[in-house]
C-alpha cells in the first residue's frame, strides 16, 4: 500500500483499560490531505483510538504506522514535527500567556536553547490571527474561557506546521460562530496546505458538510466507513446511536441533513 497516499495506517488495533476491552480490532487507512471524521456514541472508542494514535496511551495489540514507520519508533520530537494534536482537556497548571502557549508549537523545530526566530514569531502570529486569539495574546491562558482556551491550543497545533492534525472533539467548548470558523479553517488547511486532518465530531451534520471520509464506530470497532453520505444514513444511525432520525436535503449545500424524530 502506498504510504504517500495513506500516511496513517492502522491494523488490528486493540486496547483495554484494566482488562476491559475498549478497542476491538480497529483497522483504518487515512488518505493524505483528507478531512477524516470519526463519529459514534460515547463509549464507542473514538477518544481511546485518538489517544493511541497520538501516543497518550500505548496499544496492547496491533500496528499503527505514520508515513510508513511504526508509530512506536518515533521519538517525541520526531513525531511532533509530523503530527499535532488538540485534546479534549486543554487546561494547564502553569499560567503562561496565550502567546507563550502558541509558541510552544515551534519547539519541535528548534534546537536545544535555540531562541525563536522572526519566522517563528510570524508563524505564531498568523496562527493566532487565523483562530481569532491574537488580541488576547498577552492574557494568561487560565484566565480565558473554555472556548478561547481551545482556540489557543488549536493555534499552537497550527503553529507546529504538522503534516497531520488530530482533533479530539475540537468544537465541544465553542459557540456556533467559532464552531463554523474552526471547521472552515481546518477544511482550508487540507485544501491549501495538504494537511491530513483527523477529527472526532459529535455533530453529524458538521461531519457531513466538512468531511471527505467518515468512520462510524460502535463497541470499539468500525461499524461503517466511507464518504459521509454513504455512512450517515438513517438505518446506521439507528443501529449505532439507538435513535430515530430523518434525513432531509440541506437547502444550502444539497447534502443530507440529520433531523431527530
C-alpha atoms as a PDB file:
ATOM      1  CA  UNK A   1       0.000   0.000   0.000  1.00  0.00           C
ATOM      2  CA  UNK A   2       1.283   3.474  -0.906  1.00  0.00           C
ATOM      3  CA  UNK A   3       2.484   5.234   2.246  1.00  0.00           C
ATOM      4  CA  UNK A   4       2.404   8.562   0.427  1.00  0.00           C
ATOM      5  CA  UNK A   5      -1.296   8.110  -0.330  1.00  0.00           C
ATOM      6  CA  UNK A   6      -2.225   6.856   3.149  1.00  0.00           C
ATOM      7  CA  UNK A   7       0.110   8.403   5.769  1.00  0.00           C
ATOM      8  CA  UNK A   8      -1.834   6.756   8.624  1.00  0.00           C
ATOM      9  CA  UNK A   9      -2.409   3.008   8.550  1.00  0.00           C
ATOM     10  CA  UNK A  10      -3.962   1.115  11.456  1.00  0.00           C
ATOM     11  CA  UNK A  11      -4.139  -2.674  11.545  1.00  0.00           C
ATOM     12  CA  UNK A  12      -5.851  -4.791  14.183  1.00  0.00           C
ATOM     13  CA  UNK A  13      -5.644  -2.216  16.972  1.00  0.00           C
ATOM     14  CA  UNK A  14      -6.763  -3.492  20.378  1.00  0.00           C
ATOM     15  CA  UNK A  15      -6.747  -1.640  23.681  1.00  0.00           C
ATOM     16  CA  UNK A  16      -8.158  -2.255  27.154  1.00  0.00           C
ATOM     17  CA  UNK A  17      -8.443  -0.297  30.390  1.00  0.00           C
ATOM     18  CA  UNK A  18      -7.971  -2.595  33.414  1.00  0.00           C
ATOM     19  CA  UNK A  19      -8.718  -5.621  31.229  1.00  0.00           C
ATOM     20  CA  UNK A  20     -11.936  -4.025  29.946  1.00  0.00           C
ATOM     21  CA  UNK A  21     -11.728  -4.030  26.124  1.00  0.00           C
ATOM     22  CA  UNK A  22     -12.261  -0.622  24.514  1.00  0.00           C
ATOM     23  CA  UNK A  23     -10.835  -1.138  21.027  1.00  0.00           C
ATOM     24  CA  UNK A  24     -11.522  -4.479  19.392  1.00  0.00           C
ATOM     25  CA  UNK A  25      -9.508  -4.805  16.201  1.00  0.00           C
ATOM     26  CA  UNK A  26      -9.690  -1.364  14.600  1.00  0.00           C
ATOM     27  CA  UNK A  27      -8.472  -1.111  11.004  1.00  0.00           C
ATOM     28  CA  UNK A  28      -8.142   2.283   9.326  1.00  0.00           C
ATOM     29  CA  UNK A  29      -6.349   3.888   6.456  1.00  0.00           C
ATOM     30  CA  UNK A  30      -6.442   7.660   6.266  1.00  0.00           C
ATOM     31  CA  UNK A  31      -5.788   9.394   2.975  1.00  0.00           C
ATOM     32  CA  UNK A  32      -3.248  12.188   2.708  1.00  0.00           C
ATOM     33  CA  UNK A  33      -4.727  15.688   2.662  1.00  0.00           C
ATOM     34  CA  UNK A  34      -8.191  14.467   3.615  1.00  0.00           C
ATOM     35  CA  UNK A  35     -10.558  15.687   6.304  1.00  0.00           C
ATOM     36  CA  UNK A  36     -11.412  12.421   8.022  1.00  0.00           C
ATOM     37  CA  UNK A  37     -14.007  12.344  10.784  1.00  0.00           C
ATOM     38  CA  UNK A  38     -14.645   9.702  13.435  1.00  0.00           C
ATOM     39  CA  UNK A  39     -18.207   9.586  14.766  1.00  0.00           C
ATOM     40  CA  UNK A  40     -20.050   7.360  17.198  1.00  0.00           C
ATOM     41  CA  UNK A  41     -21.773   7.453  20.583  1.00  0.00           C
ATOM     42  CA  UNK A  42     -19.995   7.956  23.894  1.00  0.00           C
ATOM     43  CA  UNK A  43     -18.102   4.818  24.852  1.00  0.00           C
ATOM     44  CA  UNK A  44     -17.657   3.614  21.276  1.00  0.00           C
ATOM     45  CA  UNK A  45     -13.862   4.009  21.429  1.00  0.00           C
ATOM     46  CA  UNK A  46     -13.330   7.242  19.493  1.00  0.00           C
ATOM     47  CA  UNK A  47     -11.227   9.113  22.035  1.00  0.00           C
ATOM     48  CA  UNK A  48      -9.321   5.984  23.011  1.00  0.00           C
ATOM     49  CA  UNK A  49      -8.411   5.476  19.370  1.00  0.00           C
ATOM     50  CA  UNK A  50      -7.117   9.048  19.146  1.00  0.00           C
ATOM     51  CA  UNK A  51      -5.127   8.579  22.365  1.00  0.00           C
ATOM     52  CA  UNK A  52      -3.472   5.555  20.763  1.00  0.00           C
ATOM     53  CA  UNK A  53      -2.784   7.488  17.572  1.00  0.00           C
ATOM     54  CA  UNK A  54      -1.166  10.349  19.485  1.00  0.00           C
ATOM     55  CA  UNK A  55       0.660   8.025  21.932  1.00  0.00           C
ATOM     56  CA  UNK A  56      -1.080   9.254  25.053  1.00  0.00           C
ATOM     57  CA  UNK A  57      -1.668   5.553  25.649  1.00  0.00           C
ATOM     58  CA  UNK A  58       0.005   2.568  24.029  1.00  0.00           C
ATOM     59  CA  UNK A  59      -1.772  -0.173  22.146  1.00  0.00           C
ATOM     60  CA  UNK A  60      -1.984  -3.615  23.660  1.00  0.00           C
ATOM     61  CA  UNK A  61      -2.044  -5.244  20.232  1.00  0.00           C
ATOM     62  CA  UNK A  62      -1.943  -4.116  16.619  1.00  0.00           C
ATOM     63  CA  UNK A  63       0.100  -1.838  14.396  1.00  0.00           C
ATOM     64  CA  UNK A  64      -0.083   1.885  13.693  1.00  0.00           C
ATOM     65  CA  UNK A  65       2.206   3.344  11.038  1.00  0.00           C
ATOM     66  CA  UNK A  66       2.743   7.017  10.216  1.00  0.00           C
ATOM     67  CA  UNK A  67       4.408   7.760   6.886  1.00  0.00           C
ATOM     68  CA  UNK A  68       5.385   4.109   6.656  1.00  0.00           C
ATOM     69  CA  UNK A  69       7.076   3.989  10.073  1.00  0.00           C
ATOM     70  CA  UNK A  70       5.884   2.151  13.135  1.00  0.00           C
ATOM     71  CA  UNK A  71       4.430   4.791  15.448  1.00  0.00           C
ATOM     72  CA  UNK A  72       6.457   3.436  18.366  1.00  0.00           C
ATOM     73  CA  UNK A  73       9.746   4.070  16.516  1.00  0.00           C
ATOM     74  CA  UNK A  74       9.336   7.864  16.577  1.00  0.00           C
ATOM     75  CA  UNK A  75      10.995   9.984  19.220  1.00  0.00           C
ATOM     76  CA  UNK A  76       8.718  12.574  20.801  1.00  0.00           C
ATOM     77  CA  UNK A  77      10.385  15.368  18.818  1.00  0.00           C
ATOM     78  CA  UNK A  78      10.264  13.439  15.544  1.00  0.00           C
ATOM     79  CA  UNK A  79       6.559  12.746  15.944  1.00  0.00           C
ATOM     80  CA  UNK A  80       5.863  16.368  16.920  1.00  0.00           C
ATOM     81  CA  UNK A  81       7.285  17.522  13.585  1.00  0.00           C
ATOM     82  CA  UNK A  82       4.834  15.260  11.768  1.00  0.00           C
ATOM     83  CA  UNK A  83       1.721  15.271  13.959  1.00  0.00           C
ATOM     84  CA  UNK A  84      -0.010  17.861  16.145  1.00  0.00           C
ATOM     85  CA  UNK A  85      -2.962  17.107  18.378  1.00  0.00           C
ATOM     86  CA  UNK A  86      -5.667  19.047  20.178  1.00  0.00           C
ATOM     87  CA  UNK A  87      -7.032  17.086  23.161  1.00  0.00           C
ATOM     88  CA  UNK A  88     -10.423  17.496  24.827  1.00  0.00           C
ATOM     89  CA  UNK A  89      -8.897  18.879  28.034  1.00  0.00           C
ATOM     90  CA  UNK A  90      -6.831  22.000  27.446  1.00  0.00           C
ATOM     91  CA  UNK A  91      -6.076  23.349  30.913  1.00  0.00           C
ATOM     92  CA  UNK A  92      -2.550  23.909  32.222  1.00  0.00           C
ATOM     93  CA  UNK A  93      -1.166  24.081  35.737  1.00  0.00           C
ATOM     94  CA  UNK A  94       1.192  26.888  34.685  1.00  0.00           C
ATOM     95  CA  UNK A  95      -0.197  30.314  33.880  1.00  0.00           C
ATOM     96  CA  UNK A  96       1.570  31.012  30.599  1.00  0.00           C
ATOM     97  CA  UNK A  97       0.208  33.791  28.444  1.00  0.00           C
ATOM     98  CA  UNK A  98      -1.598  32.768  25.262  1.00  0.00           C
ATOM     99  CA  UNK A  99       1.319  33.811  23.039  1.00  0.00           C
ATOM    100  CA  UNK A 100       3.738  31.629  25.023  1.00  0.00           C
ATOM    101  CA  UNK A 101       1.415  28.651  24.700  1.00  0.00           C
ATOM    102  CA  UNK A 102       1.192  29.014  20.918  1.00  0.00           C
ATOM    103  CA  UNK A 103       4.968  29.498  20.659  1.00  0.00           C
ATOM    104  CA  UNK A 104       5.341  26.045  22.220  1.00  0.00           C
ATOM    105  CA  UNK A 105       4.194  24.737  18.851  1.00  0.00           C
ATOM    106  CA  UNK A 106       7.505  25.894  17.384  1.00  0.00           C
ATOM    107  CA  UNK A 107       9.689  23.981  19.855  1.00  0.00           C
ATOM    108  CA  UNK A 108       9.928  20.758  17.784  1.00  0.00           C
ATOM    109  CA  UNK A 109      11.613  22.835  15.071  1.00  0.00           C
ATOM    110  CA  UNK A 110      14.193  24.425  17.396  1.00  0.00           C
ATOM    111  CA  UNK A 111      17.459  23.027  18.694  1.00  0.00           C
ATOM    112  CA  UNK A 112      18.042  22.964  22.418  1.00  0.00           C
ATOM    113  CA  UNK A 113      18.422  26.512  23.795  1.00  0.00           C
ATOM    114  CA  UNK A 114      17.918  27.957  20.293  1.00  0.00           C
ATOM    115  CA  UNK A 115      15.954  31.227  20.500  1.00  0.00           C
ATOM    116  CA  UNK A 116      12.843  31.773  18.417  1.00  0.00           C
ATOM    117  CA  UNK A 117      13.465  33.489  15.092  1.00  0.00           C
ATOM    118  CA  UNK A 118      11.500  36.238  13.385  1.00  0.00           C
ATOM    119  CA  UNK A 119       9.974  33.489  11.236  1.00  0.00           C
ATOM    120  CA  UNK A 120       8.807  31.615  14.336  1.00  0.00           C
ATOM    121  CA  UNK A 121       7.129  34.757  15.652  1.00  0.00           C
ATOM    122  CA  UNK A 122       5.495  35.355  12.258  1.00  0.00           C
ATOM    123  CA  UNK A 123       4.134  31.796  12.135  1.00  0.00           C
ATOM    124  CA  UNK A 124       2.733  32.156  15.661  1.00  0.00           C
ATOM    125  CA  UNK A 125       1.106  35.490  14.837  1.00  0.00           C
ATOM    126  CA  UNK A 126      -0.519  34.068  11.703  1.00  0.00           C
ATOM    127  CA  UNK A 127      -1.820  31.036  13.619  1.00  0.00           C
ATOM    128  CA  UNK A 128      -3.285  33.220  16.370  1.00  0.00           C
ATOM    129  CA  UNK A 129      -4.932  35.553  13.875  1.00  0.00           C
ATOM    130  CA  UNK A 130      -6.372  32.601  11.956  1.00  0.00           C
ATOM    131  CA  UNK A 131      -8.020  31.301  15.132  1.00  0.00           C
ATOM    132  CA  UNK A 132      -9.111  34.728  16.375  1.00  0.00           C
ATOM    133  CA  UNK A 133      -6.945  34.874  19.508  1.00  0.00           C
ATOM    134  CA  UNK A 134      -4.266  37.403  18.528  1.00  0.00           C
ATOM    135  CA  UNK A 135      -5.949  40.175  20.519  1.00  0.00           C
ATOM    136  CA  UNK A 136      -5.699  38.086  23.692  1.00  0.00           C
ATOM    137  CA  UNK A 137      -2.056  37.076  23.144  1.00  0.00           C
ATOM    138  CA  UNK A 138      -0.900  38.598  26.447  1.00  0.00           C
ATOM    139  CA  UNK A 139      -3.728  37.127  28.540  1.00  0.00           C
ATOM    140  CA  UNK A 140      -2.892  34.309  30.991  1.00  0.00           C
ATOM    141  CA  UNK A 141      -4.160  31.075  29.470  1.00  0.00           C
ATOM    142  CA  UNK A 142      -6.075  30.124  32.610  1.00  0.00           C
ATOM    143  CA  UNK A 143      -7.953  33.438  32.584  1.00  0.00           C
ATOM    144  CA  UNK A 144      -9.581  32.582  29.256  1.00  0.00           C
ATOM    145  CA  UNK A 145     -12.938  30.904  28.771  1.00  0.00           C
ATOM    146  CA  UNK A 146     -13.034  27.272  27.716  1.00  0.00           C
ATOM    147  CA  UNK A 147     -13.737  28.228  24.108  1.00  0.00           C
ATOM    148  CA  UNK A 148     -10.982  30.852  23.996  1.00  0.00           C
ATOM    149  CA  UNK A 149      -8.505  28.427  25.522  1.00  0.00           C
ATOM    150  CA  UNK A 150      -9.496  25.801  22.967  1.00  0.00           C
ATOM    151  CA  UNK A 151      -8.752  28.215  20.127  1.00  0.00           C
ATOM    152  CA  UNK A 152      -5.333  28.993  21.634  1.00  0.00           C
ATOM    153  CA  UNK A 153      -4.496  25.280  21.722  1.00  0.00           C
ATOM    154  CA  UNK A 154      -5.638  24.924  18.114  1.00  0.00           C
ATOM    155  CA  UNK A 155      -3.412  27.879  17.190  1.00  0.00           C
ATOM    156  CA  UNK A 156      -0.500  26.098  18.869  1.00  0.00           C
ATOM    157  CA  UNK A 157      -1.169  22.996  16.775  1.00  0.00           C
ATOM    158  CA  UNK A 158      -1.290  25.065  13.576  1.00  0.00           C
ATOM    159  CA  UNK A 159       1.958  26.843  14.529  1.00  0.00           C
ATOM    160  CA  UNK A 160       3.560  23.420  14.810  1.00  0.00           C
ATOM    161  CA  UNK A 161       3.179  23.153  10.995  1.00  0.00           C
ATOM    162  CA  UNK A 162       2.352  19.441  11.092  1.00  0.00           C
ATOM    163  CA  UNK A 163       1.597  17.111   8.229  1.00  0.00           C
ATOM    164  CA  UNK A 164      -1.175  15.548  10.330  1.00  0.00           C
ATOM    165  CA  UNK A 165      -3.577  17.358  12.663  1.00  0.00           C
ATOM    166  CA  UNK A 166      -5.578  15.267  15.158  1.00  0.00           C
ATOM    167  CA  UNK A 167      -8.563  16.910  16.863  1.00  0.00           C
ATOM    168  CA  UNK A 168     -10.489  15.282  19.712  1.00  0.00           C
ATOM    169  CA  UNK A 169     -13.915  16.968  19.821  1.00  0.00           C
ATOM    170  CA  UNK A 170     -12.418  20.342  18.830  1.00  0.00           C
ATOM    171  CA  UNK A 171     -15.713  22.256  18.849  1.00  0.00           C
ATOM    172  CA  UNK A 172     -17.011  20.975  22.197  1.00  0.00           C
ATOM    173  CA  UNK A 173     -16.480  24.287  24.035  1.00  0.00           C
ATOM    174  CA  UNK A 174     -17.073  26.676  21.139  1.00  0.00           C
ATOM    175  CA  UNK A 175     -20.119  28.788  20.336  1.00  0.00           C
ATOM    176  CA  UNK A 176     -21.785  28.385  16.951  1.00  0.00           C
ATOM    177  CA  UNK A 177     -19.782  31.165  15.291  1.00  0.00           C
ATOM    178  CA  UNK A 178     -16.436  29.747  16.364  1.00  0.00           C
ATOM    179  CA  UNK A 179     -17.522  26.178  15.593  1.00  0.00           C
ATOM    180  CA  UNK A 180     -18.069  27.137  11.978  1.00  0.00           C
ATOM    181  CA  UNK A 181     -14.903  29.246  11.859  1.00  0.00           C
ATOM    182  CA  UNK A 182     -12.835  26.334  13.145  1.00  0.00           C
ATOM    183  CA  UNK A 183     -14.386  23.842  10.736  1.00  0.00           C
ATOM    184  CA  UNK A 184     -13.762  26.184   7.817  1.00  0.00           C
ATOM    185  CA  UNK A 185     -10.195  26.789   8.960  1.00  0.00           C
ATOM    186  CA  UNK A 186      -9.353  23.105   9.270  1.00  0.00           C
ATOM    187  CA  UNK A 187     -11.009  22.407   5.921  1.00  0.00           C
ATOM    188  CA  UNK A 188      -8.856  25.185   4.441  1.00  0.00           C
ATOM    189  CA  UNK A 189      -5.726  23.562   5.895  1.00  0.00           C
ATOM    190  CA  UNK A 190      -6.445  20.366   3.972  1.00  0.00           C
ATOM    191  CA  UNK A 191      -7.068  22.191   0.709  1.00  0.00           C
ATOM    192  CA  UNK A 192      -4.296  24.810   0.814  1.00  0.00           C
ATOM    193  CA  UNK A 193      -1.550  23.081   2.807  1.00  0.00           C
ATOM    194  CA  UNK A 194      -2.351  19.433   2.170  1.00  0.00           C
ATOM    195  CA  UNK A 195      -2.580  18.750   5.910  1.00  0.00           C
ATOM    196  CA  UNK A 196      -4.268  15.490   6.846  1.00  0.00           C
ATOM    197  CA  UNK A 197      -6.968  16.183   9.441  1.00  0.00           C
ATOM    198  CA  UNK A 198      -8.410  13.500  11.717  1.00  0.00           C
ATOM    199  CA  UNK A 199     -11.254  14.808  13.890  1.00  0.00           C
ATOM    200  CA  UNK A 200     -13.715  13.361  16.362  1.00  0.00           C
ATOM    201  CA  UNK A 201     -17.083  15.071  15.972  1.00  0.00           C
ATOM    202  CA  UNK A 202     -20.406  14.579  17.727  1.00  0.00           C
ATOM    203  CA  UNK A 203     -22.319  16.788  15.298  1.00  0.00           C
ATOM    204  CA  UNK A 204     -23.249  14.534  12.397  1.00  0.00           C
ATOM    205  CA  UNK A 205     -24.368  17.463  10.264  1.00  0.00           C
ATOM    206  CA  UNK A 206     -20.965  19.133  10.526  1.00  0.00           C
ATOM    207  CA  UNK A 207     -19.364  15.796   9.692  1.00  0.00           C
ATOM    208  CA  UNK A 208     -21.497  15.609   6.550  1.00  0.00           C
ATOM    209  CA  UNK A 209     -20.695  19.158   5.464  1.00  0.00           C
ATOM    210  CA  UNK A 210     -16.942  19.186   6.059  1.00  0.00           C
ATOM    211  CA  UNK A 211     -15.632  15.614   5.837  1.00  0.00           C
ATOM    212  CA  UNK A 212     -14.151  13.751   2.914  1.00  0.00           C
ATOM    213  CA  UNK A 213     -14.400  10.434   4.708  1.00  0.00           C
ATOM    214  CA  UNK A 214     -16.176   9.183   7.828  1.00  0.00           C
ATOM    215  CA  UNK A 215     -15.526   6.276  10.181  1.00  0.00           C
ATOM    216  CA  UNK A 216     -18.533   5.355  12.325  1.00  0.00           C
ATOM    217  CA  UNK A 217     -17.599   3.431  15.471  1.00  0.00           C
ATOM    218  CA  UNK A 218     -19.634   1.110  17.652  1.00  0.00           C
ATOM    219  CA  UNK A 219     -18.416  -1.047  20.550  1.00  0.00           C
ATOM    220  CA  UNK A 220     -14.743  -0.452  19.811  1.00  0.00           C
ATOM    221  CA  UNK A 221     -14.982  -1.393  16.143  1.00  0.00           C
ATOM    222  CA  UNK A 222     -15.502   0.338  12.820  1.00  0.00           C
ATOM    223  CA  UNK A 223     -19.183  -0.154  12.047  1.00  0.00           C
ATOM    224  CA  UNK A 224     -19.216   1.677   8.701  1.00  0.00           C
ATOM    225  CA  UNK A 225     -16.779   3.778   6.701  1.00  0.00           C
ATOM    226  CA  UNK A 226     -16.883   5.779   3.506  1.00  0.00           C
ATOM    227  CA  UNK A 227     -17.907   9.184   2.151  1.00  0.00           C
ATOM    228  CA  UNK A 228     -20.307  10.978   4.542  1.00  0.00           C
ATOM    229  CA  UNK A 229     -23.442  10.359   2.503  1.00  0.00           C
ATOM    230  CA  UNK A 230     -22.794   6.605   2.444  1.00  0.00           C
ATOM    231  CA  UNK A 231     -22.160   6.329   6.200  1.00  0.00           C
ATOM    232  CA  UNK A 232     -24.541   8.792   7.841  1.00  0.00           C
ATOM    233  CA  UNK A 233     -27.777   7.047   6.961  1.00  0.00           C
ATOM    234  CA  UNK A 234     -30.987   6.619   8.941  1.00  0.00           C
ATOM    235  CA  UNK A 235     -30.580   2.874   9.448  1.00  0.00           C
ATOM    236  CA  UNK A 236     -26.930   3.143  10.542  1.00  0.00           C
ATOM    237  CA  UNK A 237     -27.680   5.975  12.970  1.00  0.00           C
ATOM    238  CA  UNK A 238     -30.488   3.859  14.434  1.00  0.00           C
ATOM    239  CA  UNK A 239     -28.177   0.869  14.839  1.00  0.00           C
ATOM    240  CA  UNK A 240     -25.303   2.826  16.395  1.00  0.00           C
ATOM    241  CA  UNK A 241     -26.968   5.644  18.347  1.00  0.00           C
ATOM    242  CA  UNK A 242     -30.285   3.884  19.069  1.00  0.00           C
ATOM    243  CA  UNK A 243     -32.264   6.918  17.956  1.00  0.00           C
ATOM    244  CA  UNK A 244     -34.685   7.503  15.101  1.00  0.00           C
ATOM    245  CA  UNK A 245     -33.805  10.268  12.663  1.00  0.00           C
ATOM    246  CA  UNK A 246     -34.950  11.550   9.313  1.00  0.00           C
ATOM    247  CA  UNK A 247     -32.572  12.719   6.612  1.00  0.00           C
ATOM    248  CA  UNK A 248     -33.625  15.730   4.578  1.00  0.00           C
ATOM    249  CA  UNK A 249     -31.752  17.707   1.937  1.00  0.00           C
ATOM    250  CA  UNK A 250     -29.827  20.720   3.207  1.00  0.00           C
ATOM    251  CA  UNK A 251     -31.255  23.558   1.068  1.00  0.00           C
ATOM    252  CA  UNK A 252     -27.908  25.388   1.047  1.00  0.00           C
ATOM    253  CA  UNK A 253     -25.370  22.623   0.380  1.00  0.00           C
ATOM    254  CA  UNK A 254     -27.575  19.927  -1.112  1.00  0.00           C
ATOM    255  CA  UNK A 255     -26.094  17.397   1.330  1.00  0.00           C
ATOM    256  CA  UNK A 256     -28.121  15.167   3.656  1.00  0.00           C
ATOM    257  CA  UNK A 257     -29.133  16.778   6.948  1.00  0.00           C
ATOM    258  CA  UNK A 258     -29.993  14.808  10.098  1.00  0.00           C
ATOM    259  CA  UNK A 259     -33.238  15.665  11.900  1.00  0.00           C
ATOM    260  CA  UNK A 260     -34.066  13.793  15.143  1.00  0.00           C
ATOM    261  CA  UNK A 261     -37.627  12.463  15.263  1.00  0.00           C
END
